[in-house]
N, C-alpha and C. Protein backbone atom coordinates (compact mmCIF):
# COMPACT_ATOMS: atom_id res chain seq x y z
N MET A 1 148.32 -59.38 -70.37
CA MET A 1 148.48 -58.25 -71.25
C MET A 1 148.26 -56.93 -70.51
N ARG A 2 147.28 -56.95 -69.63
CA ARG A 2 146.99 -55.73 -68.88
C ARG A 2 148.13 -55.36 -67.94
N SER A 3 148.72 -56.38 -67.32
CA SER A 3 149.83 -56.12 -66.40
C SER A 3 151.06 -55.62 -67.15
N LEU A 4 151.25 -56.09 -68.38
CA LEU A 4 152.38 -55.62 -69.19
C LEU A 4 152.21 -54.14 -69.51
N LYS A 5 150.99 -53.72 -69.84
CA LYS A 5 150.73 -52.31 -70.11
C LYS A 5 150.98 -51.45 -68.87
N ARG A 6 150.57 -51.96 -67.73
CA ARG A 6 150.79 -51.22 -66.49
C ARG A 6 152.28 -51.09 -66.19
N VAL A 7 153.03 -52.16 -66.40
CA VAL A 7 154.47 -52.13 -66.15
C VAL A 7 155.15 -51.14 -67.11
N LEU A 8 154.76 -51.19 -68.37
CA LEU A 8 155.34 -50.26 -69.35
C LEU A 8 154.99 -48.81 -69.01
N LEU A 9 153.76 -48.59 -68.58
CA LEU A 9 153.35 -47.24 -68.17
C LEU A 9 154.14 -46.78 -66.96
N LEU A 10 154.33 -47.67 -66.00
CA LEU A 10 155.10 -47.34 -64.81
C LEU A 10 156.55 -47.03 -65.17
N VAL A 11 157.13 -47.79 -66.05
CA VAL A 11 158.51 -47.53 -66.47
C VAL A 11 158.60 -46.19 -67.18
N ALA A 12 157.65 -45.90 -68.04
CA ALA A 12 157.65 -44.63 -68.77
C ALA A 12 157.52 -43.46 -67.80
N VAL A 13 156.64 -43.57 -66.82
CA VAL A 13 156.46 -42.51 -65.83
C VAL A 13 157.71 -42.33 -65.00
N LEU A 14 158.33 -43.43 -64.58
CA LEU A 14 159.56 -43.35 -63.80
C LEU A 14 160.69 -42.70 -64.60
N LEU A 15 160.80 -43.04 -65.88
CA LEU A 15 161.81 -42.41 -66.72
C LEU A 15 161.56 -40.90 -66.87
N LEU A 16 160.30 -40.53 -67.01
CA LEU A 16 159.96 -39.12 -67.12
C LEU A 16 160.30 -38.39 -65.82
N VAL A 17 159.97 -38.99 -64.69
CA VAL A 17 160.27 -38.38 -63.39
C VAL A 17 161.78 -38.24 -63.21
N LEU A 18 162.54 -39.26 -63.60
CA LEU A 18 163.99 -39.19 -63.48
C LEU A 18 164.58 -38.12 -64.39
N ALA A 19 164.04 -37.96 -65.59
CA ALA A 19 164.51 -36.93 -66.51
C ALA A 19 164.22 -35.55 -65.95
N ILE A 20 163.03 -35.36 -65.39
CA ILE A 20 162.68 -34.06 -64.79
C ILE A 20 163.57 -33.78 -63.59
N LEU A 21 163.79 -34.78 -62.77
CA LEU A 21 164.65 -34.61 -61.60
C LEU A 21 166.07 -34.25 -62.02
N ALA A 22 166.60 -34.92 -63.03
CA ALA A 22 167.94 -34.61 -63.52
C ALA A 22 167.99 -33.18 -64.06
N PHE A 23 166.96 -32.78 -64.79
CA PHE A 23 166.91 -31.43 -65.34
C PHE A 23 166.93 -30.38 -64.22
N VAL A 24 166.11 -30.60 -63.20
CA VAL A 24 166.04 -29.65 -62.09
C VAL A 24 167.34 -29.60 -61.32
N LEU A 25 167.95 -30.75 -61.08
CA LEU A 25 169.20 -30.76 -60.32
C LEU A 25 170.37 -30.18 -61.10
N GLU A 26 170.36 -30.29 -62.42
CA GLU A 26 171.45 -29.77 -63.24
C GLU A 26 171.31 -28.27 -63.53
N ASN A 27 170.15 -27.69 -63.31
CA ASN A 27 169.92 -26.30 -63.65
C ASN A 27 169.54 -25.48 -62.43
N GLN A 28 170.43 -25.38 -61.48
CA GLN A 28 170.19 -24.67 -60.25
C GLN A 28 170.75 -23.25 -60.27
N GLN A 29 171.38 -22.83 -61.36
CA GLN A 29 171.92 -21.48 -61.43
C GLN A 29 170.79 -20.46 -61.40
N SER A 30 170.97 -19.41 -60.64
CA SER A 30 169.94 -18.39 -60.53
C SER A 30 170.04 -17.41 -61.68
N VAL A 31 168.89 -17.03 -62.20
CA VAL A 31 168.82 -16.03 -63.26
C VAL A 31 167.72 -15.04 -62.91
N SER A 32 167.85 -13.84 -63.44
CA SER A 32 166.83 -12.82 -63.29
C SER A 32 166.42 -12.38 -64.68
N LEU A 33 165.17 -12.50 -65.01
CA LEU A 33 164.70 -12.14 -66.33
C LEU A 33 164.27 -10.67 -66.36
N LEU A 34 164.55 -10.01 -67.47
CA LEU A 34 164.16 -8.63 -67.68
C LEU A 34 163.23 -8.60 -68.87
N PHE A 35 161.99 -8.13 -68.66
CA PHE A 35 160.99 -8.10 -69.74
C PHE A 35 160.23 -6.79 -69.66
N LEU A 36 160.37 -5.98 -70.72
CA LEU A 36 159.68 -4.68 -70.83
C LEU A 36 159.95 -3.79 -69.60
N GLY A 37 161.17 -3.80 -69.14
CA GLY A 37 161.55 -2.96 -68.00
C GLY A 37 161.26 -3.55 -66.65
N TRP A 38 160.59 -4.72 -66.62
CA TRP A 38 160.25 -5.36 -65.35
C TRP A 38 161.29 -6.45 -65.10
N ALA A 39 161.96 -6.36 -63.96
CA ALA A 39 162.96 -7.37 -63.60
C ALA A 39 162.33 -8.35 -62.64
N GLY A 40 162.39 -9.60 -63.00
CA GLY A 40 161.83 -10.65 -62.15
C GLY A 40 162.80 -11.01 -61.04
N PRO A 41 162.31 -11.79 -60.07
CA PRO A 41 163.18 -12.22 -58.98
C PRO A 41 164.21 -13.24 -59.46
N GLN A 42 165.26 -13.42 -58.69
CA GLN A 42 166.28 -14.42 -59.01
C GLN A 42 165.71 -15.80 -58.73
N LEU A 43 165.57 -16.60 -59.77
CA LEU A 43 165.04 -17.96 -59.64
C LEU A 43 165.96 -18.92 -60.38
N PRO A 44 165.97 -20.20 -59.99
CA PRO A 44 166.75 -21.18 -60.75
C PRO A 44 166.25 -21.30 -62.18
N VAL A 45 167.15 -21.65 -63.08
CA VAL A 45 166.80 -21.79 -64.50
C VAL A 45 165.68 -22.82 -64.68
N SER A 46 165.72 -23.89 -63.92
CA SER A 46 164.70 -24.93 -64.06
C SER A 46 163.32 -24.40 -63.72
N VAL A 47 163.20 -23.56 -62.72
CA VAL A 47 161.90 -23.00 -62.34
C VAL A 47 161.38 -22.09 -63.45
N VAL A 48 162.25 -21.28 -64.02
CA VAL A 48 161.86 -20.39 -65.11
C VAL A 48 161.41 -21.21 -66.32
N THR A 49 162.14 -22.26 -66.64
CA THR A 49 161.81 -23.09 -67.79
C THR A 49 160.49 -23.82 -67.60
N VAL A 50 160.28 -24.41 -66.44
CA VAL A 50 159.04 -25.12 -66.17
C VAL A 50 157.86 -24.14 -66.14
N ALA A 51 158.05 -22.95 -65.60
CA ALA A 51 156.98 -21.96 -65.59
C ALA A 51 156.62 -21.54 -67.02
N ALA A 52 157.63 -21.35 -67.87
CA ALA A 52 157.38 -21.00 -69.27
C ALA A 52 156.63 -22.13 -69.98
N LEU A 53 156.99 -23.37 -69.68
CA LEU A 53 156.31 -24.51 -70.28
C LEU A 53 154.84 -24.55 -69.85
N LEU A 54 154.58 -24.38 -68.58
CA LEU A 54 153.20 -24.42 -68.09
C LEU A 54 152.37 -23.27 -68.63
N ILE A 55 152.95 -22.09 -68.70
CA ILE A 55 152.23 -20.93 -69.27
C ILE A 55 151.91 -21.18 -70.74
N GLY A 56 152.86 -21.74 -71.47
CA GLY A 56 152.63 -22.07 -72.87
C GLY A 56 151.55 -23.13 -73.03
N MET A 57 151.51 -24.09 -72.10
CA MET A 57 150.49 -25.13 -72.16
C MET A 57 149.10 -24.57 -71.88
N LEU A 58 149.02 -23.45 -71.20
CA LEU A 58 147.73 -22.80 -70.95
C LEU A 58 147.35 -21.86 -72.09
N ILE A 59 148.30 -21.10 -72.58
CA ILE A 59 148.03 -20.09 -73.60
C ILE A 59 147.75 -20.74 -74.97
N GLY A 60 148.52 -21.75 -75.35
CA GLY A 60 148.37 -22.39 -76.65
C GLY A 60 146.95 -22.90 -76.90
N PRO A 61 146.44 -23.77 -76.04
CA PRO A 61 145.08 -24.25 -76.26
C PRO A 61 144.02 -23.15 -76.18
N SER A 62 144.27 -22.14 -75.36
CA SER A 62 143.31 -21.04 -75.26
C SER A 62 143.22 -20.29 -76.59
N ILE A 63 144.35 -20.06 -77.21
CA ILE A 63 144.35 -19.39 -78.52
C ILE A 63 143.67 -20.28 -79.56
N GLY A 64 143.97 -21.58 -79.53
CA GLY A 64 143.33 -22.51 -80.47
C GLY A 64 141.83 -22.55 -80.29
N TRP A 65 141.37 -22.54 -79.05
CA TRP A 65 139.93 -22.54 -78.78
C TRP A 65 139.30 -21.26 -79.32
N PHE A 66 139.95 -20.12 -79.08
CA PHE A 66 139.40 -18.85 -79.52
C PHE A 66 139.34 -18.77 -81.04
N VAL A 67 140.38 -19.23 -81.72
CA VAL A 67 140.40 -19.20 -83.20
C VAL A 67 139.32 -20.12 -83.75
N SER A 68 139.18 -21.33 -83.19
CA SER A 68 138.15 -22.25 -83.71
C SER A 68 136.75 -21.71 -83.45
N ARG A 69 136.57 -21.05 -82.32
CA ARG A 69 135.25 -20.47 -82.01
C ARG A 69 134.92 -19.34 -82.97
N THR A 70 135.92 -18.52 -83.28
CA THR A 70 135.72 -17.41 -84.20
C THR A 70 135.42 -17.93 -85.61
N SER A 71 136.17 -18.96 -86.06
CA SER A 71 135.92 -19.47 -87.41
C SER A 71 134.56 -20.17 -87.49
N ARG A 72 134.13 -20.83 -86.41
CA ARG A 72 132.82 -21.45 -86.38
C ARG A 72 131.72 -20.40 -86.49
N ALA A 73 131.92 -19.26 -85.81
CA ALA A 73 130.93 -18.19 -85.89
C ALA A 73 130.86 -17.61 -87.30
N ARG A 74 131.99 -17.51 -87.96
CA ARG A 74 132.00 -17.00 -89.35
C ARG A 74 131.25 -17.95 -90.28
N ARG A 75 131.48 -19.26 -90.09
CA ARG A 75 130.79 -20.24 -90.93
C ARG A 75 129.30 -20.19 -90.70
N LYS A 76 128.85 -19.95 -89.49
CA LYS A 76 127.42 -19.88 -89.22
C LYS A 76 126.80 -18.66 -89.89
N ARG A 77 127.56 -17.55 -89.94
CA ARG A 77 127.02 -16.34 -90.58
C ARG A 77 126.90 -16.53 -92.09
N LEU A 78 127.78 -17.34 -92.69
CA LEU A 78 127.72 -17.56 -94.13
C LEU A 78 126.57 -18.45 -94.53
N VAL A 79 126.11 -19.28 -93.64
CA VAL A 79 125.03 -20.23 -93.97
C VAL A 79 123.67 -19.59 -93.83
């Protein structure tokens, strides 16, 4: 049973790696983003997308942590 779980995990990881590789290879067109007057360097679309994903993965939990901390402090003041 344990070896079956390992094999399934390995297959899932390999499929994920192949999907990421296909995404990166298919999105090599260079783009330059313009945000609030700041023009970024020319980077492949895949790099921009992965960077946005990673930034979102950092910002999202940070906002959730801050909101839960603030609401916990409010509940303590009410008690």
